[in-house]
């Protein structure tokens, strides 16, 4: 069973679930896995956003610390 991990209109990934039992994934289990997939998608998106912000902060720090004189506008 595969469940799309979606946030808004963005596909973040796919949750792939497997079982040795035939017909193991009932409608109830499918709904639960869909909810879980959506929660994982939000966590993945938050982690990616956090990493981008960290990269931006490093860039800004290097610009600020590498500038000998400040210019104010």
Protein backbone atom coordinates (compact mmCIF):
# COMPACT_ATOMS: atom_id res chain seq x y z
CA UNK A 1 0.00 0.00 0.00
CA UNK A 2 1.36 3.40 -0.88
CA UNK A 3 0.15 6.64 0.66
CA UNK A 4 1.02 10.05 -0.79
CA UNK A 5 2.54 12.46 1.72
CA UNK A 6 0.97 15.78 0.78
CA UNK A 7 1.05 19.25 2.32
CA UNK A 8 -1.42 21.60 0.64
CA UNK A 9 -0.92 20.98 -3.07
CA UNK A 10 2.68 19.78 -2.71
CA UNK A 11 3.68 16.12 -2.83
CA UNK A 12 6.44 15.73 -0.26
CA UNK A 13 6.96 12.00 -0.64
CA UNK A 14 5.30 8.59 -0.61
CA UNK A 15 4.82 6.29 2.37
CA UNK A 16 5.20 2.67 1.24
CA UNK A 17 3.67 0.05 3.53
CA UNK A 18 3.97 -3.68 3.01
CA UNK A 19 2.53 -6.76 4.68
CA UNK A 20 3.00 -10.50 4.42
CA UNK A 21 -0.72 -10.98 4.99
CA UNK A 22 -3.15 -10.87 2.06
CA UNK A 23 -5.82 -8.16 2.37
CA UNK A 24 -4.14 -6.78 5.51
CA UNK A 25 -4.92 -3.16 4.67
CA UNK A 26 -8.56 -2.52 5.51
CA UNK A 27 -10.39 0.74 4.86
CA UNK A 28 -9.83 1.77 8.48
CA UNK A 29 -6.11 1.04 8.27
CA UNK A 30 -5.93 2.96 4.98
CA UNK A 31 -7.50 6.03 6.62
CA UNK A 32 -5.10 5.80 9.56
CA UNK A 33 -2.10 5.48 7.23
CA UNK A 34 -3.31 8.46 5.20
CA UNK A 35 -3.49 10.57 8.36
CA UNK A 36 -0.04 9.34 9.37
CA UNK A 37 1.32 10.11 5.89
CA UNK A 38 -0.01 13.66 6.09
CA UNK A 39 1.53 14.19 9.52
CA UNK A 40 4.88 12.86 8.31
CA UNK A 41 4.65 15.16 5.27
CA UNK A 42 4.24 18.20 7.53
CA UNK A 43 7.22 17.08 9.63
CA UNK A 44 9.36 16.60 6.51
CA UNK A 45 8.37 20.00 5.14
CA UNK A 46 9.11 21.64 8.50
CA UNK A 47 12.54 19.99 8.62
CA UNK A 48 13.34 21.16 5.08
CA UNK A 49 12.21 24.69 5.93
CA UNK A 50 14.33 24.67 9.08
CA UNK A 51 17.40 23.62 7.10
CA UNK A 52 16.80 26.37 4.51
CA UNK A 53 16.49 28.97 7.27
CA UNK A 54 19.71 27.71 8.86
CA UNK A 55 21.51 27.99 5.50
CA UNK A 56 20.14 31.52 5.01
CA UNK A 57 21.28 32.50 8.50
CA UNK A 58 24.79 31.21 7.83
CA UNK A 59 24.93 33.22 4.60
CA UNK A 60 23.72 36.38 6.32
CA UNK A 61 26.18 35.88 9.18
CA UNK A 62 29.05 35.52 6.74
CA UNK A 63 27.98 38.70 4.92
CA UNK A 64 27.59 40.69 8.15
CA UNK A 65 30.82 39.40 9.68
CA UNK A 66 32.72 39.82 6.40
CA UNK A 67 31.72 43.46 5.96
CA UNK A 68 34.35 45.71 7.59
CA UNK A 69 32.24 48.88 7.48
CA UNK A 70 28.52 49.29 7.70
CA UNK A 71 26.62 51.33 5.19
CA UNK A 72 23.27 52.63 6.42
CA UNK A 73 20.59 53.76 4.01
